[in-house]
Amino acid sequence: MPKINVIVRKREGVEFEGEVFAISSINEIGPFDILQDHANFICTIKDNLTIHHTEAKKQDIKLENGVLRAKGNKIEVFVGI
């Protein structure tokens, strides 16, 4: 199964770090997903971040706002920025 590296940071410290199948969230345009080999980009996110560990297992992180950066197969999320 394809994997991407993800780290989610809050002011208090690291909320999540590991390899996942995909990430989903919402930006000003609407909902989006990031899979392996996604184009590089940076955006603000709001409401929710869903970490897809596998196609069947997921974890939701509620948030007010944040910044997401995707570069290569590495995703960094900064919550509460």
PDB file of N, CA and C in Angstrom:
ATOM      1  N   MET A   1       0.837  -1.174   0.000  1.00  0.00           N
ATOM      2  CA  MET A   1       0.000   0.000   0.000  1.00  0.00           C
ATOM      3  C   MET A   1       0.892   1.251   0.000  1.00  0.00           C
ATOM      4  N   PRO A   2       0.586   2.235  -0.853  1.00  0.00           N
ATOM      5  CA  PRO A   2       1.381   3.468  -0.889  1.00  0.00           C
ATOM      6  C   PRO A   2       1.331   4.198   0.451  1.00  0.00           C
ATOM      7  N   LYS A   3       2.431   4.854   0.799  1.00  0.00           N
ATOM      8  CA  LYS A   3       2.518   5.564   2.075  1.00  0.00           C
ATOM      9  C   LYS A   3       3.074   6.962   1.886  1.00  0.00           C
ATOM     10  N   ILE A   4       2.596   7.878   2.747  1.00  0.00           N
ATOM     11  CA  ILE A   4       3.153   9.222   2.817  1.00  0.00           C
ATOM     12  C   ILE A   4       3.475   9.511   4.281  1.00  0.00           C
ATOM     13  N   ASN A   5       4.509  10.310   4.508  1.00  0.00           N
ATOM     14  CA  ASN A   5       4.909  10.683   5.869  1.00  0.00           C
ATOM     15  C   ASN A   5       4.154  11.931   6.295  1.00  0.00           C
ATOM     16  N   VAL A   6       3.600  11.892   7.500  1.00  0.00           N
ATOM     17  CA  VAL A   6       2.802  13.006   8.000  1.00  0.00           C
ATOM     18  C   VAL A   6       3.263  13.371   9.404  1.00  0.00           C
ATOM     19  N   ILE A   7       3.325  14.679   9.660  1.00  0.00           N
ATOM     20  CA  ILE A   7       3.534  15.170  11.021  1.00  0.00           C
ATOM     21  C   ILE A   7       2.541  16.305  11.252  1.00  0.00           C
ATOM     22  N   VAL A   8       1.808  16.197  12.373  1.00  0.00           N
ATOM     23  CA  VAL A   8       0.821  17.205  12.750  1.00  0.00           C
ATOM     24  C   VAL A   8       1.313  17.831  14.047  1.00  0.00           C
ATOM     25  N   ARG A   9       1.543  19.145  13.998  1.00  0.00           N
ATOM     26  CA  ARG A   9       2.052  19.856  15.167  1.00  0.00           C
ATOM     27  C   ARG A   9       1.004  20.851  15.684  1.00  0.00           C
ATOM     28  N   LYS A  10       0.840  20.853  17.004  1.00  0.00           N
ATOM     29  CA  LYS A  10       0.041  21.867  17.688  1.00  0.00           C
ATOM     30  C   LYS A  10       1.005  22.689  18.540  1.00  0.00           C
ATOM     31  N   ARG A  11       0.525  23.765  19.110  1.00  0.00           N
ATOM     32  CA  ARG A  11       1.376  24.595  19.969  1.00  0.00           C
ATOM     33  C   ARG A  11       1.976  23.780  21.116  1.00  0.00           C
ATOM     34  N   GLU A  12       1.222  22.832  21.621  1.00  0.00           N
ATOM     35  CA  GLU A  12       1.655  22.018  22.756  1.00  0.00           C
ATOM     36  C   GLU A  12       2.682  20.954  22.385  1.00  0.00           C
ATOM     37  N   GLY A  13       2.815  20.648  21.093  1.00  0.00           N
ATOM     38  CA  GLY A  13       3.754  19.618  20.657  1.00  0.00           C
ATOM     39  C   GLY A  13       3.198  18.824  19.487  1.00  0.00           C
ATOM     40  N   VAL A  14       3.794  17.684  19.231  1.00  0.00           N
ATOM     41  CA  VAL A  14       3.405  16.843  18.102  1.00  0.00           C
ATOM     42  C   VAL A  14       2.137  16.073  18.454  1.00  0.00           C
ATOM     43  N   GLU A  15       1.114  16.218  17.615  1.00  0.00           N
ATOM     44  CA  GLU A  15      -0.163  15.530  17.786  1.00  0.00           C
ATOM     45  C   GLU A  15      -0.135  14.148  17.126  1.00  0.00           C
ATOM     46  N   PHE A  16       0.530  14.059  15.969  1.00  0.00           N
ATOM     47  CA  PHE A  16       0.615  12.792  15.227  1.00  0.00           C
ATOM     48  C   PHE A  16       1.867  12.813  14.369  1.00  0.00           C
ATOM     49  N   GLU A  17       2.514  11.662  14.265  1.00  0.00           N
ATOM     50  CA  GLU A  17       3.642  11.500  13.355  1.00  0.00           C
ATOM     51  C   GLU A  17       3.673  10.053  12.892  1.00  0.00           C
ATOM     52  N   GLY A  18       3.745   9.848  11.570  1.00  0.00           N
ATOM     53  CA  GLY A  18       3.811   8.489  11.067  1.00  0.00           C
ATOM     54  C   GLY A  18       3.530   8.404   9.579  1.00  0.00           C
ATOM     55  N   GLU A  19       3.510   7.170   9.076  1.00  0.00           N
ATOM     56  CA  GLU A  19       3.203   6.912   7.671  1.00  0.00           C
ATOM     57  C   GLU A  19       1.726   6.585   7.538  1.00  0.00           C
ATOM     58  N   VAL A  20       1.092   7.176   6.525  1.00  0.00           N
ATOM     59  CA  VAL A  20      -0.339   6.976   6.318  1.00  0.00           C
ATOM     60  C   VAL A  20      -0.626   6.730   4.843  1.00  0.00           C
ATOM     61  N   PHE A  21      -1.859   6.332   4.580  1.00  0.00           N
ATOM     62  CA  PHE A  21      -2.317   6.083   3.211  1.00  0.00           C
ATOM     63  C   PHE A  21      -2.732   7.379   2.519  1.00  0.00           C
ATOM     64  N   ALA A  22      -3.419   8.278   3.277  1.00  0.00           N
ATOM     65  CA  ALA A  22      -3.922   9.528   2.691  1.00  0.00           C
ATOM     66  C   ALA A  22      -4.285  10.508   3.797  1.00  0.00           C
ATOM     67  N   ILE A  23      -4.497  11.757   3.403  1.00  0.00           N
ATOM     68  CA  ILE A  23      -4.943  12.838   4.293  1.00  0.00           C
ATOM     69  C   ILE A  23      -6.117  13.541   3.607  1.00  0.00           C
ATOM     70  N   SER A  24      -7.119  13.928   4.390  1.00  0.00           N
ATOM     71  CA  SER A  24      -8.244  14.708   3.868  1.00  0.00           C
ATOM     72  C   SER A  24      -8.468  15.909   4.766  1.00  0.00           C
ATOM     73  N   SER A  25      -8.888  17.025   4.168  1.00  0.00           N
ATOM     74  CA  SER A  25      -9.220  18.215   4.937  1.00  0.00           C
ATOM     75  C   SER A  25     -10.085  19.138   4.091  1.00  0.00           C
ATOM     76  N   ILE A  26     -10.255  20.365   4.586  1.00  0.00           N
ATOM     77  CA  ILE A  26     -11.073  21.361   3.903  1.00  0.00           C
ATOM     78  C   ILE A  26     -10.275  22.660   3.840  1.00  0.00           C
ATOM     79  N   ASN A  27     -10.236  23.286   2.659  1.00  0.00           N
ATOM     80  CA  ASN A  27      -9.632  24.615   2.540  1.00  0.00           C
ATOM     81  C   ASN A  27     -10.683  25.584   2.022  1.00  0.00           C
ATOM     82  N   GLU A  28     -10.282  26.786   1.629  1.00  0.00           N
ATOM     83  CA  GLU A  28     -11.251  27.801   1.205  1.00  0.00           C
ATOM     84  C   GLU A  28     -12.012  27.415  -0.059  1.00  0.00           C
ATOM     85  N   ILE A  29     -11.489  26.488  -0.827  1.00  0.00           N
ATOM     86  CA  ILE A  29     -12.169  26.042  -2.049  1.00  0.00           C
ATOM     87  C   ILE A  29     -13.134  24.893  -1.763  1.00  0.00           C
ATOM     88  N   GLY A  30     -12.812  24.072  -0.777  1.00  0.00           N
ATOM     89  CA  GLY A  30     -13.663  22.942  -0.434  1.00  0.00           C
ATOM     90  C   GLY A  30     -12.850  21.759   0.052  1.00  0.00           C
ATOM     91  N   PRO A  31     -13.466  20.583   0.157  1.00  0.00           N
ATOM     92  CA  PRO A  31     -12.766  19.387   0.629  1.00  0.00           C
ATOM     93  C   PRO A  31     -11.722  18.910  -0.380  1.00  0.00           C
ATOM     94  N   PHE A  32     -10.633  18.313   0.141  1.00  0.00           N
ATOM     95  CA  PHE A  32      -9.595  17.760  -0.734  1.00  0.00           C
ATOM     96  C   PHE A  32      -8.929  16.572  -0.062  1.00  0.00           C
ATOM     97  N   ASP A  33      -8.271  15.763  -0.862  1.00  0.00           N
ATOM     98  CA  ASP A  33      -7.517  14.594  -0.400  1.00  0.00           C
ATOM     99  C   ASP A  33      -6.098  14.689  -0.922  1.00  0.00           C
ATOM    100  N   ILE A  34      -5.172  14.120  -0.173  1.00  0.00           N
ATOM    101  CA  ILE A  34      -3.779  14.016  -0.618  1.00  0.00           C
ATOM    102  C   ILE A  34      -3.387  12.554  -0.546  1.00  0.00           C
ATOM    103  N   LEU A  35      -2.933  12.023  -1.670  1.00  0.00           N
ATOM    104  CA  LEU A  35      -2.425  10.656  -1.759  1.00  0.00           C
ATOM    105  C   LEU A  35      -0.941  10.716  -2.114  1.00  0.00           C
ATOM    106  N   GLN A  36      -0.291   9.563  -2.150  1.00  0.00           N
ATOM    107  CA  GLN A  36       1.124   9.494  -2.504  1.00  0.00           C
ATOM    108  C   GLN A  36       1.370  10.168  -3.859  1.00  0.00           C
ATOM    109  N   ASP A  37       2.495  10.872  -3.962  1.00  0.00           N
ATOM    110  CA  ASP A  37       2.936  11.566  -5.186  1.00  0.00           C
ATOM    111  C   ASP A  37       2.026  12.720  -5.587  1.00  0.00           C
ATOM    112  N   HIS A  38       1.346  13.320  -4.630  1.00  0.00           N
ATOM    113  CA  HIS A  38       0.506  14.496  -4.882  1.00  0.00           C
ATOM    114  C   HIS A  38       1.400  15.675  -5.256  1.00  0.00           C
ATOM    115  N   ALA A  39       0.860  16.630  -5.979  1.00  0.00           N
ATOM    116  CA  ALA A  39       1.599  17.853  -6.333  1.00  0.00           C
ATOM    117  C   ALA A  39       1.962  18.622  -5.061  1.00  0.00           C
ATOM    118  N   ASN A  40       3.096  19.310  -5.084  1.00  0.00           N
ATOM    119  CA  ASN A  40       3.519  20.142  -3.964  1.00  0.00           C
ATOM    120  C   ASN A  40       2.602  21.348  -3.840  1.00  0.00           C
ATOM    121  N   PHE A  41       2.205  21.693  -2.610  1.00  0.00           N
ATOM    122  CA  PHE A  41       1.414  22.894  -2.397  1.00  0.00           C
ATOM    123  C   PHE A  41       1.339  23.240  -0.921  1.00  0.00           C
ATOM    124  N   ILE A  42       0.901  24.466  -0.646  1.00  0.00           N
ATOM    125  CA  ILE A  42       0.660  24.945   0.711  1.00  0.00           C
ATOM    126  C   ILE A  42      -0.729  25.572   0.726  1.00  0.00           C
ATOM    127  N   CYS A  43      -1.504  25.312   1.801  1.00  0.00           N
ATOM    128  CA  CYS A  43      -2.816  25.936   1.919  1.00  0.00           C
ATOM    129  C   CYS A  43      -3.205  26.045   3.382  1.00  0.00           C
ATOM    130  N   THR A  44      -4.194  26.880   3.642  1.00  0.00           N
ATOM    131  CA  THR A  44      -4.793  26.919   4.970  1.00  0.00           C
ATOM    132  C   THR A  44      -5.896  25.869   5.011  1.00  0.00           C
ATOM    133  N   ILE A  45      -6.119  25.295   6.187  1.00  0.00           N
ATOM    134  CA  ILE A  45      -7.170  24.296   6.353  1.00  0.00           C
ATOM    135  C   ILE A  45      -8.055  24.715   7.521  1.00  0.00           C
ATOM    136  N   LYS A  46      -9.264  24.133   7.563  1.00  0.00           N
ATOM    137  CA  LYS A  46     -10.198  24.461   8.631  1.00  0.00           C
ATOM    138  C   LYS A  46     -11.062  23.249   8.974  1.00  0.00           C
ATOM    139  N   ASP A  47     -11.671  23.307  10.132  1.00  0.00           N
ATOM    140  CA  ASP A  47     -12.679  22.352  10.609  1.00  0.00           C
ATOM    141  C   ASP A  47     -12.152  20.978  11.000  1.00  0.00           C
ATOM    142  N   ASN A  48     -11.499  20.279  10.102  1.00  0.00           N
ATOM    143  CA  ASN A  48     -11.180  18.880  10.354  1.00  0.00           C
ATOM    144  C   ASN A  48      -9.991  18.421   9.511  1.00  0.00           C
ATOM    145  N   LEU A  49      -9.209  17.531  10.079  1.00  0.00           N
ATOM    146  CA  LEU A  49      -8.138  16.849   9.353  1.00  0.00           C
ATOM    147  C   LEU A  49      -8.371  15.358   9.556  1.00  0.00           C
ATOM    148  N   THR A  50      -8.500  14.617   8.476  1.00  0.00           N
ATOM    149  CA  THR A  50      -8.703  13.176   8.570  1.00  0.00           C
ATOM    150  C   THR A  50      -7.445  12.470   8.099  1.00  0.00           C
ATOM    151  N   ILE A  51      -6.907  11.626   8.961  1.00  0.00           N
ATOM    152  CA  ILE A  51      -5.726  10.823   8.647  1.00  0.00           C
ATOM    153  C   ILE A  51      -6.216   9.427   8.299  1.00  0.00           C
ATOM    154  N   HIS A  52      -5.960   8.997   7.087  1.00  0.00           N
ATOM    155  CA  HIS A  52      -6.357   7.656   6.631  1.00  0.00           C
ATOM    156  C   HIS A  52      -5.158   6.724   6.805  1.00  0.00           C
ATOM    157  N   HIS A  53      -5.183   5.935   7.869  1.00  0.00           N
ATOM    158  CA  HIS A  53      -4.087   4.990   8.121  1.00  0.00           C
ATOM    159  C   HIS A  53      -4.078   3.898   7.051  1.00  0.00           C
ATOM    160  N   THR A  54      -5.265   3.441   6.695  1.00  0.00           N
ATOM    161  CA  THR A  54      -5.479   2.496   5.593  1.00  0.00           C
ATOM    162  C   THR A  54      -6.749   2.960   4.892  1.00  0.00           C
ATOM    163  N   GLU A  55      -7.174   2.257   3.877  1.00  0.00           N
ATOM    164  CA  GLU A  55      -8.427   2.630   3.212  1.00  0.00           C
ATOM    165  C   GLU A  55      -9.622   2.475   4.145  1.00  0.00           C
ATOM    166  N   ALA A  56      -9.518   1.610   5.160  1.00  0.00           N
ATOM    167  CA  ALA A  56     -10.644   1.349   6.059  1.00  0.00           C
ATOM    168  C   ALA A  56     -10.504   2.015   7.429  1.00  0.00           C
ATOM    169  N   LYS A  57      -9.287   2.333   7.874  1.00  0.00           N
ATOM    170  CA  LYS A  57      -9.062   2.882   9.214  1.00  0.00           C
ATOM    171  C   LYS A  57      -8.666   4.351   9.119  1.00  0.00           C
ATOM    172  N   LYS A  58      -9.404   5.210   9.854  1.00  0.00           N
ATOM    173  CA  LYS A  58      -9.105   6.639   9.812  1.00  0.00           C
ATOM    174  C   LYS A  58      -9.159   7.252  11.204  1.00  0.00           C
ATOM    175  N   GLN A  59      -8.544   8.425  11.322  1.00  0.00           N
ATOM    176  CA  GLN A  59      -8.490   9.176  12.572  1.00  0.00           C
ATOM    177  C   GLN A  59      -8.806  10.631  12.262  1.00  0.00           C
ATOM    178  N   ASP A  60      -9.740  11.223  13.006  1.00  0.00           N
ATOM    179  CA  ASP A  60     -10.115  12.620  12.799  1.00  0.00           C
ATOM    180  C   ASP A  60      -9.482  13.501  13.859  1.00  0.00           C
ATOM    181  N   ILE A  61      -8.969  14.642  13.431  1.00  0.00           N
ATOM    182  CA  ILE A  61      -8.452  15.662  14.335  1.00  0.00           C
ATOM    183  C   ILE A  61      -9.265  16.926  14.081  1.00  0.00           C
ATOM    184  N   LYS A  62     -10.016  17.361  15.085  1.00  0.00           N
ATOM    185  CA  LYS A  62     -10.800  18.595  14.975  1.00  0.00           C
ATOM    186  C   LYS A  62      -9.856  19.779  15.124  1.00  0.00           C
ATOM    187  N   LEU A  63     -10.107  20.832  14.334  1.00  0.00           N
ATOM    188  CA  LEU A  63      -9.283  22.026  14.415  1.00  0.00           C
ATOM    189  C   LEU A  63     -10.080  23.226  13.967  1.00  0.00           C
ATOM    190  N   GLU A  64      -9.679  24.384  14.429  1.00  0.00           N
ATOM    191  CA  GLU A  64     -10.306  25.617  13.982  1.00  0.00           C
ATOM    192  C   GLU A  64      -9.678  26.055  12.669  1.00  0.00           C
ATOM    193  N   ASN A  65      -8.336  26.067  12.660  1.00  0.00           N
ATOM    194  CA  ASN A  65      -7.604  26.437  11.453  1.00  0.00           C
ATOM    195  C   ASN A  65      -6.186  25.890  11.531  1.00  0.00           C
ATOM    196  N   GLY A  66      -5.523  25.911  10.405  1.00  0.00           N
ATOM    197  CA  GLY A  66      -4.149  25.430  10.354  1.00  0.00           C
ATOM    198  C   GLY A  66      -3.553  25.675   8.985  1.00  0.00           C
ATOM    199  N   VAL A  67      -2.305  25.272   8.851  1.00  0.00           N
ATOM    200  CA  VAL A  67      -1.582  25.372   7.584  1.00  0.00           C
ATOM    201  C   VAL A  67      -1.063  23.989   7.227  1.00  0.00           C
ATOM    202  N   LEU A  68      -1.255  23.604   5.983  1.00  0.00           N
ATOM    203  CA  LEU A  68      -0.798  22.305   5.497  1.00  0.00           C
ATOM    204  C   LEU A  68       0.203  22.522   4.374  1.00  0.00           C
ATOM    205  N   ARG A  69       1.332  21.802   4.446  1.00  0.00           N
ATOM    206  CA  ARG A  69       2.336  21.871   3.387  1.00  0.00           C
ATOM    207  C   ARG A  69       2.615  20.455   2.898  1.00  0.00           C
ATOM    208  N   ALA A  70       2.448  20.246   1.602  1.00  0.00           N
ATOM    209  CA  ALA A  70       2.744  18.958   0.976  1.00  0.00           C
ATOM    210  C   ALA A  70       3.934  19.146   0.049  1.00  0.00           C
ATOM    211  N   LYS A  71       4.993  18.386   0.290  1.00  0.00           N
ATOM    212  CA  LYS A  71       6.193  18.452  -0.555  1.00  0.00           C
ATOM    213  C   LYS A  71       6.740  17.041  -0.688  1.00  0.00           C
ATOM    214  N   GLY A  72       6.782  16.566  -1.921  1.00  0.00           N
ATOM    215  CA  GLY A  72       7.161  15.174  -2.124  1.00  0.00           C
ATOM    216  C   GLY A  72       6.114  14.299  -1.455  1.00  0.00           C
ATOM    217  N   ASN A  73       6.558  13.292  -0.752  1.00  0.00           N
ATOM    218  CA  ASN A  73       5.633  12.428  -0.012  1.00  0.00           C
ATOM    219  C   ASN A  73       5.682  12.733   1.479  1.00  0.00           C
ATOM    220  N   LYS A  74       5.901  14.016   1.787  1.00  0.00           N
ATOM    221  CA  LYS A  74       5.915  14.461   3.182  1.00  0.00           C
ATOM    222  C   LYS A  74       4.891  15.580   3.361  1.00  0.00           C
ATOM    223  N   ILE A  75       4.052  15.435   4.390  1.00  0.00           N
ATOM    224  CA  ILE A  75       3.035  16.429   4.691  1.00  0.00           C
ATOM    225  C   ILE A  75       3.276  16.943   6.101  1.00  0.00           C
ATOM    226  N   GLU A  76       3.321  18.264   6.225  1.00  0.00           N
ATOM    227  CA  GLU A  76       3.432  18.895   7.528  1.00  0.00           C
ATOM    228  C   GLU A  76       2.171  19.720   7.758  1.00  0.00           C
ATOM    229  N   VAL A  77       1.586  19.561   8.948  1.00  0.00           N
ATOM    230  CA  VAL A  77       0.382  20.311   9.295  1.00  0.00           C
ATOM    231  C   VAL A  77       0.683  21.059  10.589  1.00  0.00           C
ATOM    232  N   PHE A  78       0.400  22.356  10.568  1.00  0.00           N
ATOM    233  CA  PHE A  78       0.579  23.192  11.743  1.00  0.00           C
ATOM    234  C   PHE A  78      -0.809  23.658  12.175  1.00  0.00           C
ATOM    235  N   VAL A  79      -1.281  23.189  13.314  1.00  0.00           N
ATOM    236  CA  VAL A  79      -2.634  23.457  13.793  1.00  0.00           C
ATOM    237  C   VAL A  79      -2.621  24.674  14.721  1.00  0.00           C
ATOM    238  N   GLY A  80      -3.631  25.540  14.567  1.00  0.00           N
ATOM    239  CA  GLY A  80      -3.773  26.683  15.449  1.00  0.00           C
ATOM    240  C   GLY A  80      -2.899  27.858  15.087  1.00  0.00           C
ATOM    241  N   ILE A  81      -2.521  27.969  13.844  1.00  0.00           N
ATOM    242  CA  ILE A  81      -1.658  29.062  13.387  1.00  0.00           C
ATOM    243  C   ILE A  81      -2.505  30.290  13.125  1.00  0.00           C
TER     244      ILE A  81
END
